[in-house]
Amino acid sequence: MAPSTVLPESFARAVAALRSVTPRPEIVLEELTAPQRLAPYAHAIGGTVCRDGEEVATGRLVLLYDPDGQEAWEGTLRLVTYVTAELEPELASDPLVPTVGWSWLTDALAAHEAAYANIGGTVTQTSSTRFGALAGPPAMADLEIRASWTPGSEDLAAHVESWCVLLASTAGLPPPGVTALADRLTQRG
C-alpha cells in the first residue's frame, strides 16, 4: 500500500468489497501483506481450505490499484491469484488437468456474473518423488493455478466469491449442500 494513510476512494471501495465476502465453512480467509512494487496500492487476502481437519488447498488473491491505470491491465484495478492443491498422483500425468483447472476459474467468474477483461494465466501440474534424507511418502502431485484479470467494476464481491469457488474446486470439495458419496458411506458405516 502507498505510504499515505488516506486511500483513494475507488481503492477503499474495492477493498471493502473484498472484505465483505463470507466463504463457505471449509474456507478460512485472512488478510495478508500485499506486494509493494506491483502498483501504487495493493491489498491481499489468503485462503485455506480444510477438509476433515487437514489443509487441502491454499491461495492468495491480490488486488492491485493504479489510479493512472496501466495499459496492460486495460483499467485501474487488477486481480492476481495463485492457488495450489495436492492432486492424486494418477492425475499428475492427465493432459486434461490444466484445461479443467482453468475452467474452474472462468466458470466460477461466469456463474457469479463477475465481469472481467484481459484474463490470462497458467495452470501447472507437477509430480515429485522424495529420495535420501527427504525420503517419505510415495510420489506426490500438485496443481497450481496462477491468473490475473481486470474486474469490470469496483464491486469485487462477486470476484471473491468466484475465487472461493476456485479454491473449493481445486481442493475437490463438493458444491455447497452436496455430500460426497464417500462421506455418506462413512456416516452410515
C-alpha atoms as a PDB file:
ATOM      1  CA  MET A   1       0.000   0.000   0.000  1.00  0.00           C
ATOM      2  CA  ALA A   2       1.169   3.563  -0.622  1.00  0.00           C
ATOM      3  CA  PRO A   3       2.748   5.450   2.297  1.00  0.00           C
ATOM      4  CA  SER A   4      -0.220   7.821   2.586  1.00  0.00           C
ATOM      5  CA  THR A   5      -2.831   6.775   5.139  1.00  0.00           C
ATOM      6  CA  VAL A   6      -5.600   8.302   3.027  1.00  0.00           C
ATOM      7  CA  LEU A   7      -6.660   5.730   0.481  1.00  0.00           C
ATOM      8  CA  PRO A   8      -8.200   6.697  -2.838  1.00  0.00           C
ATOM      9  CA  GLU A   9     -11.958   6.273  -2.667  1.00  0.00           C
ATOM     10  CA  SER A  10     -12.036   3.756  -5.545  1.00  0.00           C
ATOM     11  CA  PHE A  11      -9.427   1.552  -3.876  1.00  0.00           C
ATOM     12  CA  ALA A  12     -11.136   1.804  -0.476  1.00  0.00           C
ATOM     13  CA  ARG A  13     -14.460   0.670  -2.026  1.00  0.00           C
ATOM     14  CA  ALA A  14     -12.738  -2.235  -3.767  1.00  0.00           C
ATOM     15  CA  VAL A  15     -11.041  -3.353  -0.519  1.00  0.00           C
ATOM     16  CA  ALA A  16     -14.368  -3.101   1.349  1.00  0.00           C
ATOM     17  CA  ALA A  17     -15.936  -5.375  -1.270  1.00  0.00           C
ATOM     18  CA  LEU A  18     -13.099  -7.898  -0.808  1.00  0.00           C
ATOM     19  CA  ARG A  19     -13.707  -7.910   2.928  1.00  0.00           C
ATOM     20  CA  SER A  20     -17.490  -8.275   2.593  1.00  0.00           C
ATOM     21  CA  VAL A  21     -17.479 -11.915   1.476  1.00  0.00           C
ATOM     22  CA  THR A  22     -18.164 -14.732   3.924  1.00  0.00           C
ATOM     23  CA  PRO A  23     -16.873 -18.003   2.440  1.00  0.00           C
ATOM     24  CA  ARG A  24     -18.244 -21.480   2.975  1.00  0.00           C
ATOM     25  CA  PRO A  25     -17.216 -23.087   6.305  1.00  0.00           C
ATOM     26  CA  GLU A  26     -14.320 -25.112   4.879  1.00  0.00           C
ATOM     27  CA  ILE A  27     -12.544 -21.945   3.672  1.00  0.00           C
ATOM     28  CA  VAL A  28     -10.747 -19.585   6.031  1.00  0.00           C
ATOM     29  CA  LEU A  29      -9.849 -16.138   4.672  1.00  0.00           C
ATOM     30  CA  GLU A  30      -7.258 -13.824   6.204  1.00  0.00           C
ATOM     31  CA  GLU A  31      -5.614 -10.585   5.203  1.00  0.00           C
ATOM     32  CA  LEU A  32      -2.004 -10.877   4.069  1.00  0.00           C
ATOM     33  CA  THR A  33       0.796  -8.431   3.455  1.00  0.00           C
ATOM     34  CA  ALA A  34       0.384  -7.241  -0.120  1.00  0.00           C
ATOM     35  CA  PRO A  35       3.263  -6.892  -2.572  1.00  0.00           C
ATOM     36  CA  GLN A  36       4.519  -3.301  -2.595  1.00  0.00           C
ATOM     37  CA  ARG A  37       6.122  -2.899  -6.016  1.00  0.00           C
ATOM     38  CA  LEU A  38       3.423  -4.010  -8.431  1.00  0.00           C
ATOM     39  CA  ALA A  39       1.150  -0.988  -8.107  1.00  0.00           C
ATOM     40  CA  PRO A  40       0.814   2.190  -6.035  1.00  0.00           C
ATOM     41  CA  TYR A  41      -1.860   0.474  -3.889  1.00  0.00           C
ATOM     42  CA  ALA A  42      -2.337  -3.206  -3.117  1.00  0.00           C
ATOM     43  CA  HIS A  43      -4.363  -5.389  -0.779  1.00  0.00           C
ATOM     44  CA  ALA A  44      -4.103  -9.173  -0.369  1.00  0.00           C
ATOM     45  CA  ILE A  45      -6.124 -11.970   1.150  1.00  0.00           C
ATOM     46  CA  GLY A  46      -5.192 -15.587   1.669  1.00  0.00           C
ATOM     47  CA  GLY A  47      -7.455 -18.577   1.681  1.00  0.00           C
ATOM     48  CA  THR A  48      -7.005 -22.012   3.219  1.00  0.00           C
ATOM     49  CA  VAL A  49      -9.322 -24.926   2.514  1.00  0.00           C
ATOM     50  CA  CYS A  50      -9.601 -27.605   5.191  1.00  0.00           C
ATOM     51  CA  ARG A  51     -11.302 -30.964   4.826  1.00  0.00           C
ATOM     52  CA  ASP A  52     -11.514 -33.407   7.726  1.00  0.00           C
ATOM     53  CA  GLY A  53      -9.185 -31.152   9.717  1.00  0.00           C
ATOM     54  CA  GLU A  54      -6.489 -31.242   7.037  1.00  0.00           C
ATOM     55  CA  GLU A  55      -5.325 -28.366   4.820  1.00  0.00           C
ATOM     56  CA  VAL A  56      -6.015 -29.420   1.220  1.00  0.00           C
ATOM     57  CA  ALA A  57      -5.612 -26.187  -0.783  1.00  0.00           C
ATOM     58  CA  THR A  58      -4.299 -22.663  -0.314  1.00  0.00           C
ATOM     59  CA  GLY A  59      -4.355 -19.483  -2.307  1.00  0.00           C
ATOM     60  CA  ARG A  60      -3.789 -15.749  -2.450  1.00  0.00           C
ATOM     61  CA  LEU A  61      -5.851 -13.060  -4.109  1.00  0.00           C
ATOM     62  CA  VAL A  62      -4.133  -9.715  -4.598  1.00  0.00           C
ATOM     63  CA  LEU A  63      -5.919  -6.514  -5.554  1.00  0.00           C
ATOM     64  CA  LEU A  64      -3.724  -4.010  -7.372  1.00  0.00           C
ATOM     65  CA  TYR A  65      -4.782  -0.403  -7.932  1.00  0.00           C
ATOM     66  CA  ASP A  66      -3.095   2.227 -10.062  1.00  0.00           C
ATOM     67  CA  PRO A  67      -5.123   5.471 -10.237  1.00  0.00           C
ATOM     68  CA  ASP A  68      -3.439   6.277 -13.558  1.00  0.00           C
ATOM     69  CA  GLY A  69      -4.291   2.853 -14.955  1.00  0.00           C
ATOM     70  CA  GLN A  70      -1.911   0.509 -16.689  1.00  0.00           C
ATOM     71  CA  GLU A  71      -2.146  -0.201 -20.389  1.00  0.00           C
ATOM     72  CA  ALA A  72      -1.534  -3.935 -19.916  1.00  0.00           C
ATOM     73  CA  TRP A  73      -4.422  -4.116 -17.431  1.00  0.00           C
ATOM     74  CA  GLU A  74      -6.874  -2.119 -19.552  1.00  0.00           C
ATOM     75  CA  GLY A  75      -8.046  -0.434 -16.351  1.00  0.00           C
ATOM     76  CA  THR A  76      -7.084   0.828 -12.918  1.00  0.00           C
ATOM     77  CA  LEU A  77      -7.769  -2.390 -10.952  1.00  0.00           C
ATOM     78  CA  ARG A  78      -6.193  -5.812 -11.385  1.00  0.00           C
ATOM     79  CA  LEU A  79      -6.770  -9.066  -9.512  1.00  0.00           C
ATOM     80  CA  VAL A  80      -3.944 -11.587  -9.310  1.00  0.00           C
ATOM     81  CA  THR A  81      -4.299 -15.077  -7.854  1.00  0.00           C
ATOM     82  CA  TYR A  82      -2.239 -18.102  -7.008  1.00  0.00           C
ATOM     83  CA  VAL A  83      -3.978 -21.307  -5.895  1.00  0.00           C
ATOM     84  CA  THR A  84      -2.339 -24.640  -5.148  1.00  0.00           C
ATOM     85  CA  ALA A  85      -3.543 -28.058  -4.023  1.00  0.00           C
ATOM     86  CA  GLU A  86      -2.308 -31.617  -3.900  1.00  0.00           C
ATOM     87  CA  LEU A  87      -3.519 -33.884  -6.679  1.00  0.00           C
ATOM     88  CA  GLU A  88      -3.947 -37.608  -6.630  1.00  0.00           C
ATOM     89  CA  PRO A  89      -0.700 -38.904  -8.213  1.00  0.00           C
ATOM     90  CA  GLU A  90      -2.512 -40.581 -11.120  1.00  0.00           C
ATOM     91  CA  LEU A  91      -3.923 -37.178 -12.149  1.00  0.00           C
ATOM     92  CA  ALA A  92      -0.443 -35.619 -12.424  1.00  0.00           C
ATOM     93  CA  SER A  93       0.005 -37.011 -15.928  1.00  0.00           C
ATOM     94  CA  ASP A  94      -3.548 -36.387 -17.157  1.00  0.00           C
ATOM     95  CA  PRO A  95      -3.242 -33.931 -20.073  1.00  0.00           C
ATOM     96  CA  LEU A  96      -6.742 -32.546 -19.402  1.00  0.00           C
ATOM     97  CA  VAL A  97      -5.993 -31.368 -15.843  1.00  0.00           C
ATOM     98  CA  PRO A  98      -4.736 -27.897 -16.874  1.00  0.00           C
ATOM     99  CA  THR A  99      -7.798 -27.265 -19.051  1.00  0.00           C
ATOM    100  CA  VAL A 100     -10.110 -28.361 -16.247  1.00  0.00           C
ATOM    101  CA  GLY A 101      -8.231 -26.199 -13.718  1.00  0.00           C
ATOM    102  CA  TRP A 102      -8.562 -23.131 -15.947  1.00  0.00           C
ATOM    103  CA  SER A 103     -12.275 -23.806 -16.465  1.00  0.00           C
ATOM    104  CA  TRP A 104     -12.789 -23.821 -12.676  1.00  0.00           C
ATOM    105  CA  LEU A 105     -11.748 -20.150 -12.685  1.00  0.00           C
ATOM    106  CA  THR A 106     -13.601 -18.993 -15.788  1.00  0.00           C
ATOM    107  CA  ASP A 107     -16.745 -20.987 -14.951  1.00  0.00           C
ATOM    108  CA  ALA A 108     -16.802 -19.560 -11.405  1.00  0.00           C
ATOM    109  CA  LEU A 109     -16.466 -15.996 -12.725  1.00  0.00           C
ATOM    110  CA  ALA A 110     -19.297 -16.626 -15.197  1.00  0.00           C
ATOM    111  CA  ALA A 111     -21.543 -18.282 -12.584  1.00  0.00           C
ATOM    112  CA  HIS A 112     -21.172 -15.268 -10.259  1.00  0.00           C
ATOM    113  CA  GLU A 113     -21.575 -12.781 -13.115  1.00  0.00           C
ATOM    114  CA  ALA A 114     -18.187 -11.283 -12.237  1.00  0.00           C
ATOM    115  CA  ALA A 115     -17.413  -9.167 -15.299  1.00  0.00           C
ATOM    116  CA  TYR A 116     -13.764  -9.151 -16.313  1.00  0.00           C
ATOM    117  CA  ALA A 117     -11.366  -8.315 -19.140  1.00  0.00           C
ATOM    118  CA  ASN A 118      -7.852  -9.202 -20.164  1.00  0.00           C
ATOM    119  CA  ILE A 119      -7.654 -12.511 -18.288  1.00  0.00           C
ATOM    120  CA  GLY A 120      -4.519 -14.603 -18.506  1.00  0.00           C
ATOM    121  CA  GLY A 121      -2.685 -17.233 -16.561  1.00  0.00           C
ATOM    122  CA  THR A 122      -1.111 -20.639 -16.274  1.00  0.00           C
ATOM    123  CA  VAL A 123      -2.079 -23.992 -14.821  1.00  0.00           C
ATOM    124  CA  THR A 124       0.804 -26.227 -13.801  1.00  0.00           C
ATOM    125  CA  GLN A 125       0.728 -29.826 -12.681  1.00  0.00           C
ATOM    126  CA  THR A 126       3.827 -31.269 -11.067  1.00  0.00           C
ATOM    127  CA  SER A 127       4.894 -34.635  -9.727  1.00  0.00           C
ATOM    128  CA  SER A 128       7.567 -35.124  -7.046  1.00  0.00           C
ATOM    129  CA  THR A 129       9.298 -38.167  -5.624  1.00  0.00           C
ATOM    130  CA  ARG A 130      11.447 -37.849  -2.481  1.00  0.00           C
ATOM    131  CA  PHE A 131      14.827 -39.525  -2.067  1.00  0.00           C
ATOM    132  CA  GLY A 132      17.597 -39.881   0.518  1.00  0.00           C
ATOM    133  CA  ALA A 133      17.193 -37.754   3.649  1.00  0.00           C
ATOM    134  CA  LEU A 134      13.936 -36.404   2.229  1.00  0.00           C
ATOM    135  CA  ALA A 135      12.523 -39.877   1.547  1.00  0.00           C
ATOM    136  CA  GLY A 136       8.974 -40.054   2.679  1.00  0.00           C
ATOM    137  CA  PRO A 137       5.558 -40.592   1.284  1.00  0.00           C
ATOM    138  CA  PRO A 138       5.128 -42.005  -2.192  1.00  0.00           C
ATOM    139  CA  ALA A 139       5.063 -39.727  -5.215  1.00  0.00           C
ATOM    140  CA  MET A 140       3.172 -36.500  -4.707  1.00  0.00           C
ATOM    141  CA  ALA A 141       1.456 -34.304  -7.283  1.00  0.00           C
ATOM    142  CA  ASP A 142       0.390 -30.673  -7.148  1.00  0.00           C
ATOM    143  CA  LEU A 143      -1.790 -28.360  -9.185  1.00  0.00           C
ATOM    144  CA  GLU A 144      -1.016 -24.631  -9.343  1.00  0.00           C
ATOM    145  CA  ILE A 145      -3.260 -22.035 -10.911  1.00  0.00           C
ATOM    146  CA  ARG A 146      -1.847 -18.547 -11.492  1.00  0.00           C
ATOM    147  CA  ALA A 147      -4.057 -15.953 -13.117  1.00  0.00           C
ATOM    148  CA  SER A 148      -4.808 -12.265 -13.349  1.00  0.00           C
ATOM    149  CA  TRP A 149      -7.701 -10.289 -14.744  1.00  0.00           C
ATOM    150  CA  THR A 150      -9.171  -6.806 -14.785  1.00  0.00           C
ATOM    151  CA  PRO A 151     -12.502  -6.644 -12.941  1.00  0.00           C
ATOM    152  CA  GLY A 152     -15.367  -4.873 -14.688  1.00  0.00           C
ATOM    153  CA  SER A 153     -16.188  -2.711 -11.636  1.00  0.00           C
ATOM    154  CA  GLU A 154     -15.059  -1.792  -8.115  1.00  0.00           C
ATOM    155  CA  ASP A 155     -17.644  -4.151  -6.620  1.00  0.00           C
ATOM    156  CA  LEU A 156     -15.348  -7.123  -6.185  1.00  0.00           C
ATOM    157  CA  ALA A 157     -17.599  -9.299  -4.017  1.00  0.00           C
ATOM    158  CA  ALA A 158     -18.561 -11.493  -6.996  1.00  0.00           C
ATOM    159  CA  HIS A 159     -14.872 -11.901  -7.843  1.00  0.00           C
ATOM    160  CA  VAL A 160     -14.018 -13.023  -4.295  1.00  0.00           C
ATOM    161  CA  GLU A 161     -16.976 -15.419  -4.299  1.00  0.00           C
ATOM    162  CA  SER A 162     -15.716 -16.807  -7.626  1.00  0.00           C
ATOM    163  CA  TRP A 163     -12.223 -17.143  -6.188  1.00  0.00           C
ATOM    164  CA  CYS A 164     -13.620 -19.091  -3.213  1.00  0.00           C
ATOM    165  CA  VAL A 165     -15.336 -21.449  -5.675  1.00  0.00           C
ATOM    166  CA  LEU A 166     -11.974 -21.880  -7.423  1.00  0.00           C
ATOM    167  CA  LEU A 167     -10.366 -22.750  -4.074  1.00  0.00           C
ATOM    168  CA  ALA A 168     -13.125 -25.263  -3.306  1.00  0.00           C
ATOM    169  CA  SER A 169     -12.907 -26.849  -6.770  1.00  0.00           C
ATOM    170  CA  THR A 170      -9.125 -27.119  -6.556  1.00  0.00           C
ATOM    171  CA  ALA A 171      -9.488 -28.767  -3.140  1.00  0.00           C
ATOM    172  CA  GLY A 172     -12.012 -31.265  -4.509  1.00  0.00           C
ATOM    173  CA  LEU A 173     -14.883 -30.079  -2.319  1.00  0.00           C
ATOM    174  CA  PRO A 174     -18.392 -30.909  -3.499  1.00  0.00           C
ATOM    175  CA  PRO A 175     -20.714 -27.961  -4.210  1.00  0.00           C
ATOM    176  CA  PRO A 176     -22.350 -26.458  -1.083  1.00  0.00           C
ATOM    177  CA  GLY A 177     -25.231 -28.599   0.132  1.00  0.00           C
ATOM    178  CA  VAL A 178     -23.957 -31.725  -1.633  1.00  0.00           C
ATOM    179  CA  THR A 179     -22.476 -34.581   0.388  1.00  0.00           C
ATOM    180  CA  ALA A 180     -19.828 -36.670  -1.319  1.00  0.00           C
ATOM    181  CA  LEU A 181     -20.802 -40.318  -1.691  1.00  0.00           C
ATOM    182  CA  ALA A 182     -17.720 -41.458   0.251  1.00  0.00           C
ATOM    183  CA  ASP A 183     -18.735 -39.154   3.144  1.00  0.00           C
ATOM    184  CA  ARG A 184     -22.243 -40.608   3.193  1.00  0.00           C
ATOM    185  CA  LEU A 185     -20.925 -44.163   3.210  1.00  0.00           C
ATOM    186  CA  THR A 186     -18.605 -43.295   6.126  1.00  0.00           C
ATOM    187  CA  GLN A 187     -21.505 -41.784   8.064  1.00  0.00           C
ATOM    188  CA  ARG A 188     -23.600 -44.937   7.573  1.00  0.00           C
ATOM    189  CA  GLY A 189     -20.745 -47.323   8.439  1.00  0.00           C
END
